[in-house]
Protein backbone atom coordinates (compact mmCIF):
# COMPACT_ATOMS: atom_id res chain seq x y z
CA MET A 1 4.29 33.29 6.22
CA THR A 2 3.47 29.88 4.88
CA PRO A 3 4.74 27.07 7.16
CA THR A 4 7.00 24.39 5.69
CA ALA A 5 6.66 20.67 6.11
CA ALA A 6 9.74 18.65 5.71
CA VAL A 7 9.00 15.11 4.23
CA VAL A 8 11.19 12.01 4.22
CA VAL A 9 10.97 10.77 0.63
CA GLU A 10 13.59 8.06 0.83
CA GLN A 11 11.11 5.33 -0.13
CA TYR A 12 11.00 6.73 -3.70
CA TRP A 13 14.39 4.98 -4.12
CA HIS A 14 13.27 1.60 -2.87
CA ARG A 15 13.91 -1.37 -5.05
CA VAL A 16 10.39 -2.82 -4.38
CA PRO A 17 8.33 0.43 -3.77
CA GLY A 18 4.89 -1.19 -3.03
CA GLY A 19 1.83 0.59 -1.76
CA THR A 20 3.59 2.80 0.68
CA VAL A 21 5.36 4.70 -2.05
CA ARG A 22 2.17 4.95 -4.10
CA ALA A 23 0.21 6.25 -1.05
CA THR A 24 3.12 8.76 -0.20
CA ASP A 25 3.34 10.04 -3.74
CA GLU A 26 -0.40 10.37 -4.23
CA THR A 27 -0.86 12.11 -0.91
CA LEU A 28 2.01 14.51 -1.56
CA ARG A 29 0.77 15.46 -5.03
CA ALA A 30 -2.70 16.20 -3.46
CA LEU A 31 -1.02 18.09 -0.64
CA VAL A 32 0.93 20.30 -3.08
CA GLY A 33 -2.47 21.27 -4.56
CA LEU A 34 -3.82 22.48 -1.24
CA ASP A 35 -3.12 25.89 0.37
CA GLY A 36 -1.45 25.87 3.72
CA PHE A 37 1.95 24.36 3.52
CA GLU A 38 5.17 24.49 1.49
CA PHE A 39 6.99 21.18 1.18
CA ALA A 40 10.69 20.14 1.33
CA GLY A 41 11.86 16.54 0.69
CA VAL A 42 14.89 14.93 2.42
CA ALA A 43 16.54 11.66 1.38
CA ALA A 44 19.88 9.80 1.55
CA TRP A 45 22.61 10.08 -0.97
CA HIS A 46 22.04 8.10 -4.28
CA ARG A 47 24.04 7.62 -7.46
CA SER A 48 20.89 7.76 -9.58
CA ASP A 49 17.45 9.33 -9.71
CA PRO A 50 14.52 7.40 -8.42
CA PRO A 51 12.09 5.73 -10.98
CA VAL A 52 9.57 8.40 -10.12
CA ALA A 53 10.71 11.70 -8.71
CA PRO A 54 9.09 13.22 -5.66
CA PRO A 55 6.76 16.03 -6.48
CA ILE A 56 8.51 18.47 -4.25
CA PRO A 57 11.97 19.86 -4.08
CA THR A 58 14.32 17.40 -2.43
CA SER A 59 17.81 17.58 -0.88
CA GLN A 60 20.06 14.61 -0.27
CA TYR A 61 22.34 13.91 2.62
CA ARG A 62 25.88 12.79 1.95
CA LEU A 63 25.29 9.54 3.73
CA PRO A 64 23.90 6.52 1.80
CA ARG A 65 20.63 4.95 2.95
CA PRO A 66 21.99 2.25 5.38
CA LEU A 67 24.23 4.76 7.25
CA LEU A 68 21.49 7.49 7.30
CA TYR A 69 18.91 5.25 8.76
CA GLU A 70 21.37 3.92 11.43
CA ALA A 71 22.47 7.37 12.36
CA TRP A 72 19.00 8.78 12.55
CA HIS A 73 17.67 5.92 14.67
CA ARG A 74 20.62 5.29 16.94
CA ILE A 75 22.05 8.54 17.70
CA GLY A 76 19.64 11.09 16.21
CA GLN A 77 22.15 12.58 13.83
CA PRO A 78 22.43 14.30 11.41
CA LYS A 79 19.89 16.99 12.05
CA LEU A 80 17.26 17.76 9.41
CA SER A 81 18.90 19.38 6.46
CA CYS A 82 16.18 22.14 6.05
CA GLU A 83 14.13 24.42 8.36
CA ALA A 84 10.68 23.06 9.01
CA ASP A 85 7.57 23.80 11.03
CA VAL A 86 6.46 20.23 10.96
CA ILE A 87 8.22 16.92 9.91
CA TRP A 88 6.40 13.98 8.23
CA ALA A 89 8.01 10.52 8.09
CA PRO A 90 5.58 8.55 5.79
CA ALA A 91 7.36 5.14 6.11
CA MET A 92 8.85 4.88 9.70
CA VAL A 93 12.19 6.31 8.70
CA VAL A 94 12.34 8.74 11.52
CA PRO A 95 14.70 11.78 11.60
CA PRO A 96 15.62 13.69 14.72
CA ARG A 97 12.86 15.71 16.14
CA SER A 98 13.58 19.34 15.45
CA ALA A 99 9.97 20.39 14.98
CA PRO A 100 6.58 18.57 15.65
CA LEU A 101 6.91 15.05 14.13
CA VAL A 102 4.25 13.16 12.34
CA VAL A 103 5.06 9.41 11.55
CA THR A 104 2.88 7.15 9.37
CA VAL A 105 2.79 3.52 10.49
CA HIS A 106 1.27 1.34 7.88
CA ASP A 107 1.01 -1.83 9.86
CA LEU A 108 2.59 -3.66 12.77
CA ASP A 109 2.71 -7.14 11.28
CA PHE A 110 6.42 -7.24 11.92
CA ILE A 111 5.71 -7.49 15.70
CA ALA A 112 3.52 -10.55 15.54
CA HIS A 113 5.22 -12.21 12.55
CA PRO A 114 8.97 -11.29 12.23
CA GLU A 115 9.33 -14.44 10.10
CA ARG A 116 7.47 -12.74 7.23
CA LEU A 117 10.25 -10.14 6.94
CA SER A 118 13.62 -10.05 5.05
CA ARG A 119 16.65 -10.22 7.23
CA ARG A 120 17.15 -6.48 6.80
CA GLY A 121 13.50 -5.84 7.74
CA ARG A 122 13.83 -7.93 11.02
CA SER A 123 16.65 -5.59 12.01
CA PHE A 124 15.04 -2.36 10.80
CA PHE A 125 11.39 -2.44 11.80
CA PRO A 126 11.57 -3.09 15.57
CA ARG A 127 14.06 -0.25 16.08
CA ALA A 128 12.24 2.01 13.77
CA TRP A 129 8.95 1.29 15.74
CA GLN A 130 10.76 2.08 19.06
CA VAL A 131 12.04 5.34 17.66
CA THR A 132 8.53 6.22 16.39
CA MET A 133 7.01 5.58 19.82
CA ASP A 134 9.70 7.70 21.44
CA ARG A 135 9.74 10.66 19.04
CA ALA A 136 6.40 11.04 17.25
CA ASP A 137 4.03 13.70 18.29
CA ARG A 138 1.38 11.98 16.18
CA ILE A 139 1.20 8.57 14.61
CA VAL A 140 -1.04 8.40 11.63
CA CYS A 141 -2.41 5.07 10.35
CA PRO A 142 -4.25 4.38 7.05
CA SER A 143 -6.93 2.20 8.78
CA ASP A 144 -8.68 1.84 12.05
CA ALA A 145 -7.34 -1.66 12.18
CA THR A 146 -3.75 -0.46 12.16
CA ALA A 147 -4.61 2.36 14.65
CA SER A 148 -6.03 -0.29 16.93
CA GLN A 149 -2.75 -2.22 16.77
CA VAL A 150 -0.79 0.85 17.52
CA ARG A 151 -2.90 1.69 20.65
CA SER A 152 -2.60 -1.90 21.80
CA GLN A 153 1.20 -1.31 22.01
CA GLY A 154 0.71 1.27 24.66
CA VAL A 155 0.60 4.42 22.57
CA GLU A 156 -1.84 7.05 23.89
CA ALA A 157 -5.07 7.36 21.96
CA GLU A 158 -4.62 11.04 21.59
CA ARG A 159 -1.36 10.45 19.68
CA VAL A 160 -3.01 8.25 17.16
CA SER A 161 -5.01 9.29 14.08
CA THR A 162 -6.54 7.52 11.16
CA VAL A 163 -6.25 9.02 7.64
CA PRO A 164 -7.50 6.45 5.01
CA TRP A 165 -5.88 6.18 1.63
CA GLY A 166 -7.56 7.35 -1.58
CA VAL A 167 -7.74 5.88 -5.03
CA ASP A 168 -7.14 7.17 -8.58
CA PRO A 169 -10.52 7.72 -10.21
CA THR A 170 -8.98 7.31 -13.79
CA ILE A 171 -11.03 4.55 -15.64
CA ALA A 172 -9.33 2.37 -18.28
CA THR A 173 -10.70 2.91 -21.69
CA GLU A 174 -11.86 0.06 -24.02
CA ASP A 175 -8.89 0.53 -26.26
CA GLU A 176 -6.50 0.26 -23.37
CA ILE A 177 -8.26 -2.82 -21.96
CA ARG A 178 -8.11 -4.52 -25.48
CA SER A 179 -4.48 -3.64 -25.78
CA VAL A 180 -3.42 -5.15 -22.52
CA ARG A 181 -5.48 -8.25 -23.32
CA GLN A 182 -3.75 -8.67 -26.71
CA ARG A 183 -0.14 -7.87 -25.51
CA ASN A 184 -0.38 -10.32 -22.67
CA GLN A 185 -2.53 -12.96 -24.50
CA LEU A 186 -4.99 -13.03 -21.72
CA PRO A 187 -8.12 -15.33 -21.75
CA GLU A 188 -11.74 -13.94 -21.88
CA GLN A 189 -12.24 -14.81 -18.16
CA PHE A 190 -9.64 -14.71 -15.43
CA ALA A 191 -8.94 -13.88 -11.86
CA LEU A 192 -6.39 -11.18 -11.07
CA TRP A 193 -4.02 -10.86 -8.07
CA VAL A 194 -1.81 -7.76 -7.65
CA GLY A 195 0.98 -7.29 -5.12
CA THR A 196 4.58 -7.70 -3.98
CA ALA A 197 5.60 -11.41 -3.64
CA GLU A 198 6.16 -11.67 0.06
CA PRO A 199 4.70 -14.04 2.83
CA ARG A 200 1.83 -11.89 4.21
CA LYS A 201 0.27 -11.52 0.65
CA ASN A 202 -0.71 -15.17 0.90
CA LEU A 203 -0.09 -16.00 -2.72
CA GLY A 204 0.58 -19.64 -1.81
CA GLY A 205 -2.87 -19.86 -0.20
CA LEU A 206 -4.43 -18.33 -3.34
CA VAL A 207 -2.63 -20.91 -5.61
CA ASP A 208 -3.93 -23.72 -3.32
CA ALA A 209 -7.48 -22.28 -3.78
CA PHE A 210 -7.09 -22.12 -7.58
CA GLY A 211 -5.90 -25.73 -7.59
CA ARG A 212 -9.62 -26.48 -6.82
CA ILE A 213 -11.29 -24.43 -9.60
CA ASP A 214 -10.86 -24.27 -13.36
CA LEU A 215 -10.08 -20.53 -13.93
CA PRO A 216 -6.92 -18.77 -15.23
CA LEU A 217 -5.08 -16.61 -12.68
CA VAL A 218 -3.14 -13.55 -13.66
CA VAL A 219 -0.36 -12.45 -11.16
CA ALA A 220 1.05 -8.94 -11.45
CA GLY A 221 3.70 -7.25 -9.30
CA PRO A 222 7.28 -7.36 -8.24
CA GLN A 223 9.33 -10.09 -6.57
CA GLY A 224 9.65 -9.13 -2.88
CA TRP A 225 11.39 -11.27 -0.24
CA VAL A 226 11.30 -14.68 1.37
CA VAL A 227 9.02 -16.20 -1.24
CA ASP A 228 9.08 -16.41 -4.99
CA SER A 229 5.92 -15.99 -7.13
CA ARG A 230 7.13 -18.25 -9.83
CA ASP A 231 7.73 -21.09 -7.32
CA LEU A 232 4.54 -20.52 -5.64
CA SER A 233 2.38 -20.47 -8.78
CA ALA A 234 4.14 -23.28 -10.54
CA PRO A 235 1.53 -25.89 -9.45
CA LEU A 236 -1.01 -24.04 -11.74
CA GLY A 237 1.04 -24.73 -14.89
CA ALA A 238 -0.17 -23.05 -17.94
CA ARG A 239 -3.36 -21.66 -16.05
CA VAL A 240 -1.15 -18.92 -14.42
CA HIS A 241 -0.05 -15.85 -16.31
CA ARG A 242 2.93 -14.03 -14.45
CA LEU A 243 3.30 -10.51 -15.68
CA GLY A 244 5.74 -9.06 -13.30
CA VAL A 245 5.81 -5.34 -12.68
CA VAL A 246 3.25 -3.38 -14.89
CA ASN A 247 2.87 0.35 -15.36
CA ASP A 248 -0.04 2.38 -13.94
CA SER A 249 -2.03 2.34 -17.26
CA ASP A 250 -1.63 -1.39 -17.83
CA LEU A 251 -2.61 -2.09 -14.18
CA ARG A 252 -5.85 -0.12 -14.49
CA SER A 253 -6.64 -2.11 -17.66
CA LEU A 254 -5.84 -5.40 -15.93
CA TYR A 255 -8.26 -4.58 -13.10
CA ALA A 256 -10.94 -3.60 -15.60
CA ALA A 257 -10.42 -6.75 -17.79
CA ALA A 258 -10.50 -9.19 -14.79
CA THR A 259 -13.66 -11.20 -14.08
CA VAL A 260 -12.73 -11.07 -10.42
CA PHE A 261 -10.03 -9.57 -8.35
CA VAL A 262 -8.79 -11.89 -5.52
CA PHE A 263 -6.65 -10.43 -2.62
CA PRO A 264 -6.73 -12.90 0.31
CA SER A 265 -3.86 -11.24 2.19
CA LEU A 266 -3.14 -12.35 5.68
CA ALA A 267 -2.28 -8.79 6.97
CA GLU A 268 -2.47 -5.29 5.39
CA GLY A 269 -2.09 -1.80 6.57
CA PHE A 270 -4.90 -0.67 4.16
CA GLY A 271 -5.29 -2.83 1.17
CA LEU A 272 -5.05 -0.36 -1.70
CA PRO A 273 -5.51 -3.01 -4.63
CA VAL A 274 -9.03 -3.63 -3.31
CA LEU A 275 -10.08 -0.03 -3.96
CA GLU A 276 -8.16 0.15 -7.24
CA ALA A 277 -10.05 -2.93 -8.54
CA MET A 278 -13.39 -1.43 -7.32
CA ALA A 279 -12.64 1.78 -9.00
CA GLN A 280 -12.40 -0.13 -12.31
CA GLY A 281 -15.84 -1.75 -11.70
CA THR A 282 -14.36 -5.21 -10.85
CA ALA A 283 -15.91 -7.62 -8.26
CA VAL A 284 -13.55 -8.25 -5.28
CA VAL A 285 -12.94 -11.21 -3.00
CA THR A 286 -10.70 -10.24 -0.04
CA SER A 287 -9.85 -11.15 3.52
CA ALA A 288 -12.26 -10.93 6.50
CA GLY A 289 -10.71 -9.72 9.80
CA THR A 290 -8.06 -7.52 8.17
CA ALA A 291 -7.68 -3.91 7.09
CA CYS A 292 -8.90 -5.13 3.65
CA GLU A 293 -12.28 -5.66 5.11
CA GLU A 294 -12.29 -2.08 6.24
CA ALA A 295 -11.12 -0.82 2.83
CA ALA A 296 -13.82 -2.83 1.10
CA GLY A 297 -16.55 -1.13 3.21
CA GLY A 298 -19.10 -3.88 2.64
CA ALA A 299 -18.61 -3.94 -1.20
CA ALA A 300 -16.63 -7.23 -1.36
CA LEU A 301 -17.06 -10.89 -0.73
CA LEU A 302 -15.01 -11.61 2.48
CA VAL A 303 -13.24 -14.90 3.10
CA ASP A 304 -11.01 -16.54 5.76
CA PRO A 305 -7.66 -16.03 4.00
CA THR A 306 -6.35 -19.29 5.63
CA ASP A 307 -9.05 -21.40 4.11
CA PRO A 308 -8.34 -22.18 0.40
CA ALA A 309 -11.65 -23.94 0.05
CA ALA A 310 -13.53 -20.76 1.12
CA ILE A 311 -11.51 -18.57 -1.37
CA ALA A 312 -12.25 -21.07 -4.16
CA GLN A 313 -16.06 -21.04 -3.23
CA ALA A 314 -16.23 -17.24 -3.17
CA VAL A 315 -14.45 -16.81 -6.53
CA THR A 316 -16.78 -19.57 -8.12
CA SER A 317 -19.79 -17.64 -6.83
CA VAL A 318 -18.60 -14.43 -8.53
CA VAL A 319 -17.69 -16.07 -11.84
CA GLU A 320 -20.84 -18.35 -12.13
CA ASN A 321 -23.50 -16.02 -10.70
CA GLU A 322 -23.91 -12.83 -12.72
CA ASP A 323 -26.28 -11.27 -10.20
CA VAL A 324 -23.64 -11.60 -7.52
CA ARG A 325 -20.96 -10.31 -9.76
CA GLN A 326 -23.01 -7.20 -10.86
CA ASP A 327 -24.05 -6.42 -7.35
CA LEU A 328 -20.38 -6.39 -6.28
CA GLU A 329 -19.23 -4.42 -9.25
CA ASN A 330 -21.96 -1.69 -8.59
CA ARG A 331 -21.22 -1.55 -4.82
CA GLY A 332 -17.46 -1.46 -5.45
CA ARG A 333 -17.75 1.57 -7.75
CA GLY A 334 -19.67 3.43 -5.13
CA ARG A 335 -17.21 2.53 -2.42
CA ALA A 336 -14.26 3.68 -4.64
CA ALA A 337 -15.94 6.86 -5.58
CA ALA A 338 -16.31 7.76 -1.85
CA ARG A 339 -12.38 7.65 -1.47
CA SER A 340 -10.14 10.41 -2.86
CA TRP A 341 -6.45 11.29 -2.44
CA THR A 342 -7.61 14.99 -1.93
CA GLU A 343 -9.46 13.67 1.22
CA THR A 344 -6.29 11.89 2.34
CA ALA A 345 -4.35 15.08 1.84
CA ILE A 346 -6.87 17.04 3.78
CA GLY A 347 -6.58 14.62 6.54
CA TYR A 348 -2.77 14.99 6.77
CA ALA A 349 -2.99 18.83 6.49
CA ASN A 350 -5.32 18.84 9.42
CA VAL A 351 -2.95 16.59 11.48
CA PHE A 352 0.06 18.92 10.57
CA ASP A 353 -1.94 21.84 11.78
CA GLU A 354 -2.99 20.13 15.01
CA VAL A 355 0.62 19.14 16.19
CA ARG A 356 1.68 22.70 15.55
CA GLN A 357 -0.78 24.15 17.86
């Protein structure tokens, strides 16, 4: 009989989905294509459907999200709404443990820097982390950097696994690139930043760096919390192009059209935009000493994200030196080609099998 994995898919309804939803969705879609498990989704009660539906059958509790989270984490109720041989919580929303439990922890930045969170986040994440440590049979991290942080909090090494994220190999076509340039009136050369506007993404530091160089900056992604991308980027005046949320096809085209992708994040669990830019053959400048360095795998220029002058210098070297740019583009393509969501799914399937032994 095929075992069933119950998956918490509540993040599909999040107002600002971010990389965790993309990673969950891509991993689930790849898992469904593998033999070995059937999947059942569980979520809170919602008035409407999510922007993108989970790729698995999903049942909803009668409790809305805030009440379900509180009930699960404080009193361990209500019980899972379906029979399962293993439970996967992909975003630290942890149900009661009625079967072996796998929890994905993307990062622990909230421990060192609670000031970077929204008010709701400052309440939610510490409790969710404590519940994760108490209940999880296995904690899965997208990078060794995050896994090291988890172990540093006292979690036994045998309870921690690293399963890196993959990347979509779809390449933007010339027509798609031309279309996104025309519709957004983009200049011939520009730098691109992609992300949710929130403190650890370091958009303010990036804008400071671009105040030192004469290159247009394109900013794509949703508003998040604590900071506002419009306020942060205002010093650049007409040199900044704010696009807001873009669809997947346009995002691929933006990566491909950019002269350089710049991602000087202060902290990441993985750094998916680094691989996404590399997959489109774009040179990348990103943060040393973070999970972004690990994701880049030696195929990006690394900078101190707290040093705007260093960011500016790295961007200038890519834009002005064709040999540097082409070398980064070639190495980046190779790095992205080595990562796939199928490999991510296989990693999770292996963890599911291990915790069931």
